[in-house]
C-alpha atoms as a PDB file:
ATOM      1  CA  UNK A   1      39.588  84.097  55.803  1.00  0.00           C
ATOM      2  CA  UNK A   2      41.267  87.232  56.924  1.00  0.00           C
ATOM      3  CA  UNK A   3      43.520  86.811  60.000  1.00  0.00           C
ATOM      4  CA  UNK A   4      41.793  87.939  63.368  1.00  0.00           C
ATOM      5  CA  UNK A   5      43.841  90.714  65.086  1.00  0.00           C
ATOM      6  CA  UNK A   6      43.057  89.466  68.656  1.00  0.00           C
ATOM      7  CA  UNK A   7      45.490  88.199  71.255  1.00  0.00           C
ATOM      8  CA  UNK A   8      45.713  84.473  72.072  1.00  0.00           C
ATOM      9  CA  UNK A   9      43.539  83.452  75.039  1.00  0.00           C
ATOM     10  CA  UNK A  10      41.047  86.042  75.475  1.00  0.00           C
ATOM     11  CA  UNK A  11      37.919  85.281  77.435  1.00  0.00           C
ATOM     12  CA  UNK A  12      34.457  86.074  76.632  1.00  0.00           C
ATOM     13  CA  UNK A  13      30.860  85.255  77.369  1.00  0.00           C
ATOM     14  CA  UNK A  14      28.107  83.644  75.489  1.00  0.00           C
ATOM     15  CA  UNK A  15      25.714  86.465  76.163  1.00  0.00           C
ATOM     16  CA  UNK A  16      22.983  85.849  78.785  1.00  0.00           C
ATOM     17  CA  UNK A  17      23.505  86.684  82.453  1.00  0.00           C
ATOM     18  CA  UNK A  18      21.096  86.325  85.439  1.00  0.00           C
ATOM     19  CA  UNK A  19      21.335  90.065  86.589  1.00  0.00           C
ATOM     20  CA  UNK A  20      18.075  92.154  87.065  1.00  0.00           C
ATOM     21  CA  UNK A  21      19.943  95.397  86.984  1.00  0.00           C
ATOM     22  CA  UNK A  22      21.568  96.240  83.310  1.00  0.00           C
ATOM     23  CA  UNK A  23      24.335  98.243  84.621  1.00  0.00           C
ATOM     24  CA  UNK A  24      25.400  95.915  87.165  1.00  0.00           C
ATOM     25  CA  UNK A  25      25.599  93.250  84.508  1.00  0.00           C
ATOM     26  CA  UNK A  26      27.641  95.519  82.219  1.00  0.00           C
ATOM     27  CA  UNK A  27      30.006  96.317  85.220  1.00  0.00           C
ATOM     28  CA  UNK A  28      30.470  92.515  85.858  1.00  0.00           C
ATOM     29  CA  UNK A  29      31.339  91.682  82.337  1.00  0.00           C
ATOM     30  CA  UNK A  30      33.789  94.475  81.919  1.00  0.00           C
ATOM     31  CA  UNK A  31      35.393  93.600  85.158  1.00  0.00           C
ATOM     32  CA  UNK A  32      35.642  89.856  84.461  1.00  0.00           C
ATOM     33  CA  UNK A  33      36.159  89.807  80.794  1.00  0.00           C
ATOM     34  CA  UNK A  34      37.994  92.916  80.176  1.00  0.00           C
ATOM     35  CA  UNK A  35      39.839  91.781  76.903  1.00  0.00           C
ATOM     36  CA  UNK A  36      36.713  90.594  75.094  1.00  0.00           C
ATOM     37  CA  UNK A  37      33.746  91.849  77.086  1.00  0.00           C
ATOM     38  CA  UNK A  38      30.328  90.335  75.919  1.00  0.00           C
ATOM     39  CA  UNK A  39      27.269  92.514  75.867  1.00  0.00           C
ATOM     40  CA  UNK A  40      24.835  90.886  78.349  1.00  0.00           C
ATOM     41  CA  UNK A  41      21.303  89.571  77.484  1.00  0.00           C
ATOM     42  CA  UNK A  42      19.212  89.607  80.640  1.00  0.00           C
ATOM     43  CA  UNK A  43      16.205  87.354  80.050  1.00  0.00           C
ATOM     44  CA  UNK A  44      15.568  86.965  83.953  1.00  0.00           C
ATOM     45  CA  UNK A  45      15.051  91.042  83.946  1.00  0.00           C
ATOM     46  CA  UNK A  46      12.207  90.769  81.247  1.00  0.00           C
ATOM     47  CA  UNK A  47      11.372  87.703  78.807  1.00  0.00           C
ATOM     48  CA  UNK A  48      11.415  90.177  76.053  1.00  0.00           C
ATOM     49  CA  UNK A  49      15.249  90.182  76.319  1.00  0.00           C
ATOM     50  CA  UNK A  50      15.283  86.441  75.395  1.00  0.00           C
ATOM     51  CA  UNK A  51      17.051  85.421  72.355  1.00  0.00           C
ATOM     52  CA  UNK A  52      13.986  84.593  70.243  1.00  0.00           C
ATOM     53  CA  UNK A  53      11.676  87.567  71.553  1.00  0.00           C
ATOM     54  CA  UNK A  54      14.513  90.024  71.307  1.00  0.00           C
ATOM     55  CA  UNK A  55      14.796  89.156  67.507  1.00  0.00           C
ATOM     56  CA  UNK A  56      11.316  88.376  66.119  1.00  0.00           C
ATOM     57  CA  UNK A  57       9.918  91.707  67.515  1.00  0.00           C
ATOM     58  CA  UNK A  58      11.400  93.141  64.514  1.00  0.00           C
ATOM     59  CA  UNK A  59       9.000  90.948  62.158  1.00  0.00           C
ATOM     60  CA  UNK A  60       5.771  92.840  61.410  1.00  0.00           C
ATOM     61  CA  UNK A  61       3.881  89.533  61.030  1.00  0.00           C
ATOM     62  CA  UNK A  62       4.791  88.237  64.533  1.00  0.00           C
ATOM     63  CA  UNK A  63       2.338  89.053  67.471  1.00  0.00           C
ATOM     64  CA  UNK A  64       4.628  88.865  70.401  1.00  0.00           C
ATOM     65  CA  UNK A  65       2.855  88.140  74.005  1.00  0.00           C
ATOM     66  CA  UNK A  66       4.241  89.806  77.232  1.00  0.00           C
ATOM     67  CA  UNK A  67       5.868  86.553  78.258  1.00  0.00           C
ATOM     68  CA  UNK A  68       8.082  86.624  75.037  1.00  0.00           C
ATOM     69  CA  UNK A  69       6.436  83.881  73.261  1.00  0.00           C
ATOM     70  CA  UNK A  70       5.093  84.304  69.744  1.00  0.00           C
ATOM     71  CA  UNK A  71       1.253  84.445  69.921  1.00  0.00           C
ATOM     72  CA  UNK A  72       0.473  84.069  66.302  1.00  0.00           C
ATOM     73  CA  UNK A  73       1.681  84.906  62.804  1.00  0.00           C
ATOM     74  CA  UNK A  74      -0.211  87.545  60.625  1.00  0.00           C
ATOM     75  CA  UNK A  75       0.192  85.930  57.307  1.00  0.00           C
ATOM     76  CA  UNK A  76      -0.864  89.021  55.516  1.00  0.00           C
ATOM     77  CA  UNK A  77       2.199  90.891  56.956  1.00  0.00           C
ATOM     78  CA  UNK A  78       4.732  88.301  55.743  1.00  0.00           C
ATOM     79  CA  UNK A  79       7.341  89.857  53.578  1.00  0.00           C
ATOM     80  CA  UNK A  80       6.753  93.622  55.000  1.00  0.00           C
ATOM     81  CA  UNK A  81       9.948  95.543  55.693  1.00  0.00           C
ATOM     82  CA  UNK A  82      11.718  94.317  58.796  1.00  0.00           C
ATOM     83  CA  UNK A  83      12.193  97.260  61.491  1.00  0.00           C
ATOM     84  CA  UNK A  84      15.173  96.776  63.950  1.00  0.00           C
ATOM     85  CA  UNK A  85      15.176  99.062  66.812  1.00  0.00           C
ATOM     86  CA  UNK A  86      17.256  99.021  69.974  1.00  0.00           C
ATOM     87  CA  UNK A  87      15.019 100.032  73.171  1.00  0.00           C
ATOM     88  CA  UNK A  88      15.828  99.788  76.842  1.00  0.00           C
ATOM     89  CA  UNK A  89      13.079  96.993  77.279  1.00  0.00           C
ATOM     90  CA  UNK A  90      14.151  94.389  74.887  1.00  0.00           C
ATOM     91  CA  UNK A  91      17.862  95.614  74.742  1.00  0.00           C
ATOM     92  CA  UNK A  92      18.403  96.808  78.362  1.00  0.00           C
ATOM     93  CA  UNK A  93      21.635  94.839  78.772  1.00  0.00           C
ATOM     94  CA  UNK A  94      23.179  95.763  75.415  1.00  0.00           C
ATOM     95  CA  UNK A  95      22.386  99.402  75.806  1.00  0.00           C
ATOM     96  CA  UNK A  96      23.676  99.485  79.320  1.00  0.00           C
ATOM     97  CA  UNK A  97      26.929  97.712  78.182  1.00  0.00           C
ATOM     98  CA  UNK A  98      27.506 100.296  75.586  1.00  0.00           C
ATOM     99  CA  UNK A  99      26.969 103.318  77.937  1.00  0.00           C
ATOM    100  CA  UNK A 100      29.092 101.864  80.619  1.00  0.00           C
ATOM    101  CA  UNK A 101      32.047 100.818  78.190  1.00  0.00           C
ATOM    102  CA  UNK A 102      31.927 104.638  76.810  1.00  0.00           C
ATOM    103  CA  UNK A 103      32.585 105.848  80.408  1.00  0.00           C
ATOM    104  CA  UNK A 104      35.746 103.627  80.920  1.00  0.00           C
ATOM    105  CA  UNK A 105      39.056 105.504  81.065  1.00  0.00           C
ATOM    106  CA  UNK A 106      39.973 102.957  78.294  1.00  0.00           C
ATOM    107  CA  UNK A 107      37.510 101.524  75.958  1.00  0.00           C
ATOM    108  CA  UNK A 108      37.671  97.966  75.208  1.00  0.00           C
ATOM    109  CA  UNK A 109      40.143  96.574  72.740  1.00  0.00           C
ATOM    110  CA  UNK A 110      37.296  94.573  71.265  1.00  0.00           C
ATOM    111  CA  UNK A 111      33.755  93.921  72.161  1.00  0.00           C
ATOM    112  CA  UNK A 112      31.843  90.890  71.555  1.00  0.00           C
ATOM    113  CA  UNK A 113      28.013  90.959  70.695  1.00  0.00           C
ATOM    114  CA  UNK A 114      25.685  88.110  69.749  1.00  0.00           C
ATOM    115  CA  UNK A 115      22.569  87.884  67.604  1.00  0.00           C
ATOM    116  CA  UNK A 116      20.293  85.045  67.135  1.00  0.00           C
ATOM    117  CA  UNK A 117      21.200  82.961  64.119  1.00  0.00           C
ATOM    118  CA  UNK A 118      19.114  82.267  61.137  1.00  0.00           C
ATOM    119  CA  UNK A 119      18.407  78.554  61.733  1.00  0.00           C
ATOM    120  CA  UNK A 120      17.282  78.907  65.364  1.00  0.00           C
ATOM    121  CA  UNK A 121      15.003  81.787  64.247  1.00  0.00           C
ATOM    122  CA  UNK A 122      13.490  79.746  61.273  1.00  0.00           C
ATOM    123  CA  UNK A 123      12.745  76.810  63.857  1.00  0.00           C
ATOM    124  CA  UNK A 124      10.907  79.318  66.247  1.00  0.00           C
ATOM    125  CA  UNK A 125       8.931  80.763  63.283  1.00  0.00           C
ATOM    126  CA  UNK A 126       8.095  77.235  61.975  1.00  0.00           C
ATOM    127  CA  UNK A 127       7.011  76.093  65.437  1.00  0.00           C
ATOM    128  CA  UNK A 128       4.922  79.229  65.779  1.00  0.00           C
ATOM    129  CA  UNK A 129       2.889  78.135  62.461  1.00  0.00           C
ATOM    130  CA  UNK A 130       4.735  79.758  59.652  1.00  0.00           C
ATOM    131  CA  UNK A 131       5.188  77.793  56.462  1.00  0.00           C
ATOM    132  CA  UNK A 132       8.698  76.262  56.175  1.00  0.00           C
ATOM    133  CA  UNK A 133       9.705  78.214  53.300  1.00  0.00           C
ATOM    134  CA  UNK A 134       8.622  81.588  54.668  1.00  0.00           C
ATOM    135  CA  UNK A 135       9.913  80.745  58.151  1.00  0.00           C
ATOM    136  CA  UNK A 136      13.538  80.299  57.160  1.00  0.00           C
ATOM    137  CA  UNK A 137      13.605  82.989  54.281  1.00  0.00           C
ATOM    138  CA  UNK A 138      12.236  85.532  56.982  1.00  0.00           C
ATOM    139  CA  UNK A 139      14.748  84.093  59.445  1.00  0.00           C
ATOM    140  CA  UNK A 140      17.580  84.742  57.164  1.00  0.00           C
ATOM    141  CA  UNK A 141      16.551  88.272  56.429  1.00  0.00           C
ATOM    142  CA  UNK A 142      15.929  88.812  59.993  1.00  0.00           C
ATOM    143  CA  UNK A 143      19.432  87.499  61.247  1.00  0.00           C
ATOM    144  CA  UNK A 144      21.138  89.720  58.674  1.00  0.00           C
ATOM    145  CA  UNK A 145      19.192  92.841  59.653  1.00  0.00           C
ATOM    146  CA  UNK A 146      19.960  92.379  63.205  1.00  0.00           C
ATOM    147  CA  UNK A 147      23.635  91.834  62.368  1.00  0.00           C
ATOM    148  CA  UNK A 148      23.905  94.928  60.436  1.00  0.00           C
ATOM    149  CA  UNK A 149      22.017  97.042  62.833  1.00  0.00           C
ATOM    150  CA  UNK A 150      24.285  95.738  65.763  1.00  0.00           C
ATOM    151  CA  UNK A 151      27.459  96.424  63.791  1.00  0.00           C
ATOM    152  CA  UNK A 152      26.116  99.998  62.965  1.00  0.00           C
ATOM    153  CA  UNK A 153      25.217 100.589  66.646  1.00  0.00           C
ATOM    154  CA  UNK A 154      28.657  99.600  67.885  1.00  0.00           C
ATOM    155  CA  UNK A 155      30.332 101.527  65.250  1.00  0.00           C
ATOM    156  CA  UNK A 156      28.454 104.852  66.475  1.00  0.00           C
ATOM    157  CA  UNK A 157      28.943 104.195  70.193  1.00  0.00           C
ATOM    158  CA  UNK A 158      32.440 102.502  70.320  1.00  0.00           C
ATOM    159  CA  UNK A 159      34.025 103.303  67.134  1.00  0.00           C
ATOM    160  CA  UNK A 160      37.529 102.419  68.502  1.00  0.00           C
ATOM    161  CA  UNK A 161      36.502  98.992  69.771  1.00  0.00           C
ATOM    162  CA  UNK A 162      36.342  96.457  66.997  1.00  0.00           C
ATOM    163  CA  UNK A 163      33.267  94.151  66.895  1.00  0.00           C
ATOM    164  CA  UNK A 164      33.249  90.269  67.185  1.00  0.00           C
ATOM    165  CA  UNK A 165      29.833  89.168  66.443  1.00  0.00           C
ATOM    166  CA  UNK A 166      28.561  85.738  67.172  1.00  0.00           C
ATOM    167  CA  UNK A 167      25.512  84.009  65.624  1.00  0.00           C
ATOM    168  CA  UNK A 168      23.758  82.006  68.531  1.00  0.00           C
ATOM    169  CA  UNK A 169      22.619  78.764  67.036  1.00  0.00           C
ATOM    170  CA  UNK A 170      21.020  76.263  69.450  1.00  0.00           C
ATOM    171  CA  UNK A 171      18.928  75.426  66.675  1.00  0.00           C
ATOM    172  CA  UNK A 172      21.815  73.347  65.110  1.00  0.00           C
ATOM    173  CA  UNK A 173      20.843  70.551  67.125  1.00  0.00           C
ATOM    174  CA  UNK A 174      17.956  70.055  64.713  1.00  0.00           C
ATOM    175  CA  UNK A 175      20.277  69.334  61.980  1.00  0.00           C
ATOM    176  CA  UNK A 176      22.238  66.663  63.720  1.00  0.00           C
ATOM    177  CA  UNK A 177      19.813  64.058  62.594  1.00  0.00           C
ATOM    178  CA  UNK A 178      17.893  63.038  59.500  1.00  0.00           C
ATOM    179  CA  UNK A 179      14.641  64.953  60.140  1.00  0.00           C
ATOM    180  CA  UNK A 180      15.817  68.434  59.627  1.00  0.00           C
ATOM    181  CA  UNK A 181      13.175  70.835  58.373  1.00  0.00           C
ATOM    182  CA  UNK A 182      15.366  72.128  55.455  1.00  0.00           C
ATOM    183  CA  UNK A 183      18.260  70.456  53.668  1.00  0.00           C
ATOM    184  CA  UNK A 184      21.898  71.055  54.722  1.00  0.00           C
ATOM    185  CA  UNK A 185      22.778  73.061  51.722  1.00  0.00           C
ATOM    186  CA  UNK A 186      19.931  75.470  52.336  1.00  0.00           C
ATOM    187  CA  UNK A 187      20.697  75.542  55.831  1.00  0.00           C
ATOM    188  CA  UNK A 188      24.536  76.256  55.131  1.00  0.00           C
ATOM    189  CA  UNK A 189      23.555  78.930  52.843  1.00  0.00           C
ATOM    190  CA  UNK A 190      21.330  80.745  55.240  1.00  0.00           C
ATOM    191  CA  UNK A 191      24.080  80.710  58.061  1.00  0.00           C
ATOM    192  CA  UNK A 192      26.729  81.652  55.480  1.00  0.00           C
ATOM    193  CA  UNK A 193      24.639  84.494  54.190  1.00  0.00           C
ATOM    194  CA  UNK A 194      24.211  85.899  57.574  1.00  0.00           C
ATOM    195  CA  UNK A 195      27.941  85.808  58.301  1.00  0.00           C
ATOM    196  CA  UNK A 196      28.610  87.523  55.040  1.00  0.00           C
ATOM    197  CA  UNK A 197      26.170  90.400  55.804  1.00  0.00           C
ATOM    198  CA  UNK A 198      28.689  92.415  58.038  1.00  0.00           C
ATOM    199  CA  UNK A 199      32.306  93.402  57.670  1.00  0.00           C
ATOM    200  CA  UNK A 200      33.487  92.627  61.429  1.00  0.00           C
ATOM    201  CA  UNK A 201      34.756  89.549  62.632  1.00  0.00           C
ATOM    202  CA  UNK A 202      32.048  86.864  62.757  1.00  0.00           C
ATOM    203  CA  UNK A 203      31.548  83.598  64.802  1.00  0.00           C
ATOM    204  CA  UNK A 204      28.949  80.904  65.471  1.00  0.00           C
ATOM    205  CA  UNK A 205      28.120  79.467  68.883  1.00  0.00           C
ATOM    206  CA  UNK A 206      27.325  75.791  68.350  1.00  0.00           C
ATOM    207  CA  UNK A 207      25.341  74.531  71.459  1.00  0.00           C
ATOM    208  CA  UNK A 208      25.951  71.162  72.823  1.00  0.00           C
ATOM    209  CA  UNK A 209      25.077  68.446  70.315  1.00  0.00           C
ATOM    210  CA  UNK A 210      24.470  71.018  67.488  1.00  0.00           C
ATOM    211  CA  UNK A 211      25.700  70.077  64.048  1.00  0.00           C
ATOM    212  CA  UNK A 212      29.256  71.472  64.266  1.00  0.00           C
ATOM    213  CA  UNK A 213      30.108  70.281  60.713  1.00  0.00           C
ATOM    214  CA  UNK A 214      27.280  72.453  59.224  1.00  0.00           C
ATOM    215  CA  UNK A 215      28.527  75.388  61.240  1.00  0.00           C
ATOM    216  CA  UNK A 216      32.108  75.123  59.778  1.00  0.00           C
ATOM    217  CA  UNK A 217      30.771  74.666  56.484  1.00  0.00           C
ATOM    218  CA  UNK A 218      29.234  78.029  56.623  1.00  0.00           C
ATOM    219  CA  UNK A 219      32.514  79.730  57.017  1.00  0.00           C
ATOM    220  CA  UNK A 220      32.804  81.527  60.462  1.00  0.00           C
ATOM    221  CA  UNK A 221      35.998  83.020  61.523  1.00  0.00           C
ATOM    222  CA  UNK A 222      35.435  81.713  65.015  1.00  0.00           C
ATOM    223  CA  UNK A 223      33.343  78.747  66.099  1.00  0.00           C
ATOM    224  CA  UNK A 224      32.078  78.395  69.623  1.00  0.00           C
ATOM    225  CA  UNK A 225      32.247  74.808  70.961  1.00  0.00           C
ATOM    226  CA  UNK A 226      31.789  73.100  74.268  1.00  0.00           C
ATOM    227  CA  UNK A 227      34.750  71.214  75.545  1.00  0.00           C
ATOM    228  CA  UNK A 228      33.940  67.463  75.189  1.00  0.00           C
ATOM    229  CA  UNK A 229      35.076  64.169  73.944  1.00  0.00           C
ATOM    230  CA  UNK A 230      32.530  64.632  71.179  1.00  0.00           C
ATOM    231  CA  UNK A 231      34.878  67.185  69.434  1.00  0.00           C
ATOM    232  CA  UNK A 232      37.084  64.459  68.727  1.00  0.00           C
ATOM    233  CA  UNK A 233      34.926  63.091  65.878  1.00  0.00           C
ATOM    234  CA  UNK A 234      35.366  66.544  64.122  1.00  0.00           C
ATOM    235  CA  UNK A 235      39.086  66.575  64.491  1.00  0.00           C
ATOM    236  CA  UNK A 236      39.642  66.737  60.812  1.00  0.00           C
ATOM    237  CA  UNK A 237      36.946  69.563  60.172  1.00  0.00           C
ATOM    238  CA  UNK A 238      38.387  71.579  63.210  1.00  0.00           C
ATOM    239  CA  UNK A 239      41.811  71.077  61.698  1.00  0.00           C
ATOM    240  CA  UNK A 240      40.811  72.545  58.403  1.00  0.00           C
ATOM    241  CA  UNK A 241      39.217  75.300  60.252  1.00  0.00           C
ATOM    242  CA  UNK A 242      42.493  76.269  61.987  1.00  0.00           C
ATOM    243  CA  UNK A 243      44.628  75.848  58.922  1.00  0.00           C
ATOM    244  CA  UNK A 244      42.489  78.322  57.395  1.00  0.00           C
ATOM    245  CA  UNK A 245      43.311  80.808  60.132  1.00  0.00           C
ATOM    246  CA  UNK A 246      39.943  80.213  61.875  1.00  0.00           C
ATOM    247  CA  UNK A 247      39.802  80.470  65.683  1.00  0.00           C
ATOM    248  CA  UNK A 248      38.045  78.327  68.265  1.00  0.00           C
ATOM    249  CA  UNK A 249      36.000  79.783  71.252  1.00  0.00           C
ATOM    250  CA  UNK A 250      36.470  76.817  73.712  1.00  0.00           C
ATOM    251  CA  UNK A 251      33.674  76.326  76.092  1.00  0.00           C
ATOM    252  CA  UNK A 252      35.873  75.240  78.864  1.00  0.00           C
ATOM    253  CA  UNK A 253      33.804  76.144  81.965  1.00  0.00           C
ATOM    254  CA  UNK A 254      30.751  73.806  82.146  1.00  0.00           C
ATOM    255  CA  UNK A 255      27.480  75.447  82.797  1.00  0.00           C
ATOM    256  CA  UNK A 256      25.351  72.368  83.409  1.00  0.00           C
ATOM    257  CA  UNK A 257      27.026  71.125  86.356  1.00  0.00           C
ATOM    258  CA  UNK A 258      28.850  72.664  89.545  1.00  0.00           C
ATOM    259  CA  UNK A 259      32.352  73.681  89.185  1.00  0.00           C
ATOM    260  CA  UNK A 260      34.909  74.427  91.801  1.00  0.00           C
ATOM    261  CA  UNK A 261      36.716  77.651  92.645  1.00  0.00           C
ATOM    262  CA  UNK A 262      39.853  76.463  90.777  1.00  0.00           C
ATOM    263  CA  UNK A 263      40.641  76.467  87.162  1.00  0.00           C
ATOM    264  CA  UNK A 264      43.218  73.731  87.306  1.00  0.00           C
ATOM    265  CA  UNK A 265      40.874  70.814  86.637  1.00  0.00           C
ATOM    266  CA  UNK A 266      39.158  72.721  83.727  1.00  0.00           C
ATOM    267  CA  UNK A 267      42.569  73.573  82.251  1.00  0.00           C
ATOM    268  CA  UNK A 268      43.473  69.971  82.439  1.00  0.00           C
ATOM    269  CA  UNK A 269      40.423  68.799  80.758  1.00  0.00           C
ATOM    270  CA  UNK A 270      41.039  71.402  77.917  1.00  0.00           C
ATOM    271  CA  UNK A 271      44.808  70.462  77.491  1.00  0.00           C
ATOM    272  CA  UNK A 272      43.767  66.658  77.325  1.00  0.00           C
ATOM    273  CA  UNK A 273      41.208  67.414  74.655  1.00  0.00           C
ATOM    274  CA  UNK A 274      43.799  69.492  72.697  1.00  0.00           C
ATOM    275  CA  UNK A 275      46.178  66.496  72.969  1.00  0.00           C
ATOM    276  CA  UNK A 276      43.856  64.211  71.604  1.00  0.00           C
ATOM    277  CA  UNK A 277      42.852  66.286  68.740  1.00  0.00           C
ATOM    278  CA  UNK A 278      46.563  66.669  68.055  1.00  0.00           C
ATOM    279  CA  UNK A 279      46.956  63.090  67.870  1.00  0.00           C
ATOM    280  CA  UNK A 280      44.169  63.037  65.408  1.00  0.00           C
ATOM    281  CA  UNK A 281      45.720  65.524  63.102  1.00  0.00           C
ATOM    282  CA  UNK A 282      45.229  69.069  64.303  1.00  0.00           C
ATOM    283  CA  UNK A 283      48.034  71.459  64.599  1.00  0.00           C
ATOM    284  CA  UNK A 284      48.858  71.684  68.191  1.00  0.00           C
ATOM    285  CA  UNK A 285      50.155  75.037  68.000  1.00  0.00           C
ATOM    286  CA  UNK A 286      47.356  76.573  66.302  1.00  0.00           C
ATOM    287  CA  UNK A 287      45.060  74.974  68.670  1.00  0.00           C
ATOM    288  CA  UNK A 288      46.582  77.092  71.366  1.00  0.00           C
ATOM    289  CA  UNK A 289      47.519  80.273  69.514  1.00  0.00           C
ATOM    290  CA  UNK A 290      43.740  80.611  67.672  1.00  0.00           C
ATOM    291  CA  UNK A 291      41.949  80.049  70.896  1.00  0.00           C
ATOM    292  CA  UNK A 292      39.415  82.073  72.900  1.00  0.00           C
ATOM    293  CA  UNK A 293      37.781  80.867  76.199  1.00  0.00           C
ATOM    294  CA  UNK A 294      34.206  81.070  77.366  1.00  0.00           C
ATOM    295  CA  UNK A 295      31.768  79.375  79.774  1.00  0.00           C
ATOM    296  CA  UNK A 296      30.041  76.383  77.663  1.00  0.00           C
ATOM    297  CA  UNK A 297      26.797  78.178  77.457  1.00  0.00           C
ATOM    298  CA  UNK A 298      24.734  81.030  78.736  1.00  0.00           C
ATOM    299  CA  UNK A 299      24.769  81.965  82.636  1.00  0.00           C
ATOM    300  CA  UNK A 300      21.105  83.244  82.751  1.00  0.00           C
ATOM    301  CA  UNK A 301      20.153  80.132  84.940  1.00  0.00           C
ATOM    302  CA  UNK A 302      22.798  80.610  87.305  1.00  0.00           C
ATOM    303  CA  UNK A 303      23.138  82.626  90.547  1.00  0.00           C
ATOM    304  CA  UNK A 304      24.966  85.836  90.239  1.00  0.00           C
ATOM    305  CA  UNK A 305      27.905  84.740  92.214  1.00  0.00           C
ATOM    306  CA  UNK A 306      28.057  81.504  90.100  1.00  0.00           C
ATOM    307  CA  UNK A 307      27.795  83.368  86.794  1.00  0.00           C
ATOM    308  CA  UNK A 308      30.865  85.659  88.016  1.00  0.00           C
ATOM    309  CA  UNK A 309      32.782  82.378  89.165  1.00  0.00           C
ATOM    310  CA  UNK A 310      32.276  81.240  85.660  1.00  0.00           C
ATOM    311  CA  UNK A 311      33.365  84.274  83.906  1.00  0.00           C
ATOM    312  CA  UNK A 312      36.575  84.410  86.327  1.00  0.00           C
ATOM    313  CA  UNK A 313      37.318  80.892  85.602  1.00  0.00           C
ATOM    314  CA  UNK A 314      37.366  81.535  81.810  1.00  0.00           C
ATOM    315  CA  UNK A 315      39.518  84.402  82.292  1.00  0.00           C
ATOM    316  CA  UNK A 316      42.013  82.419  84.260  1.00  0.00           C
ATOM    317  CA  UNK A 317      42.031  79.548  81.675  1.00  0.00           C
ATOM    318  CA  UNK A 318      42.622  82.191  78.996  1.00  0.00           C
ATOM    319  CA  UNK A 319      45.525  83.682  80.767  1.00  0.00           C
ATOM    320  CA  UNK A 320      47.050  80.020  80.884  1.00  0.00           C
ATOM    321  CA  UNK A 321      46.549  79.759  77.127  1.00  0.00           C
ATOM    322  CA  UNK A 322      48.091  83.385  76.566  1.00  0.00           C
ATOM    323  CA  UNK A 323      51.155  82.542  78.830  1.00  0.00           C
ATOM    324  CA  UNK A 324      51.754  79.069  77.173  1.00  0.00           C
ATOM    325  CA  UNK A 325      51.507  80.517  73.566  1.00  0.00           C
ATOM    326  CA  UNK A 326      54.024  83.328  74.504  1.00  0.00           C
ATOM    327  CA  UNK A 327      56.493  80.764  75.862  1.00  0.00           C
ATOM    328  CA  UNK A 328      56.022  78.542  72.784  1.00  0.00           C
ATOM    329  CA  UNK A 329      56.807  81.513  70.523  1.00  0.00           C
ATOM    330  CA  UNK A 330      59.881  82.263  72.555  1.00  0.00           C
ATOM    331  CA  UNK A 331      60.993  78.447  72.408  1.00  0.00           C
ATOM    332  CA  UNK A 332      60.635  78.394  68.687  1.00  0.00           C
ATOM    333  CA  UNK A 333      62.307  81.848  68.151  1.00  0.00           C
ATOM    334  CA  UNK A 334      59.141  83.538  66.642  1.00  0.00           C
END
């Protein structure tokens, strides 16, 4: 894969924030995550900005309720053209972010966006009653369409800020067992095809117990993971990813439990994880140099101050990674 021209230790967000005011959310992201700000999704403002509702509204066969759920599938419309449009209702956070970033004295060096991945979309359509083959075929086309539309929108609004586009795949948890709705080869092809649909840097966010091996097999340039001992079982796959110049977005700030005010305990947990991965064969230098930092998951379920604290802690950990990487380069004479 081509090298990623980013600085080591940048901090970014998974996407969702608890704000009701889109401009306040945009300002918060640009303040706390200036190196790689993530366009916010604001499902607390409207359920139509939730990750499934925001995506499936582009499908003519989907009848969406005001609560953001899929009310029914119109079978006669399956296969009709997908229409991707950005509006202030379903994309308030994204549009406010672009407007706010445009007004900055210095535009961001990079911006991070996220779209819902094809496997997660396929599962949602399947649950709504669409036949399996149709559900995942339409999901793949839908993920590719939103990816291209997002890349085009950013190139128009922020042409000097390279895009890092993540496919959010909480649905990867359905592929960790033996009862997945489609086989692994088909799932990998769907995700890989979505990643290949755009020219920008692409990543996959793996939530919790999601199938990390499947995500890596799809060939992302960045893979987002939660820092935990569960990663140790995937040391070989992560090592191959890093050796191929792939990066890891380390979810180093837990979002499922309270965290303190200080980054030091979270930093120690990350370093301990890296040390164990190194003992299992990963390149310790690459672990540090090809690293981005994030909260473990989205922050929509948190309070405003908690969300800002999570972003601040991610940035502080990222700063430590950057400083350590620079010191290592100086030590080895790079």
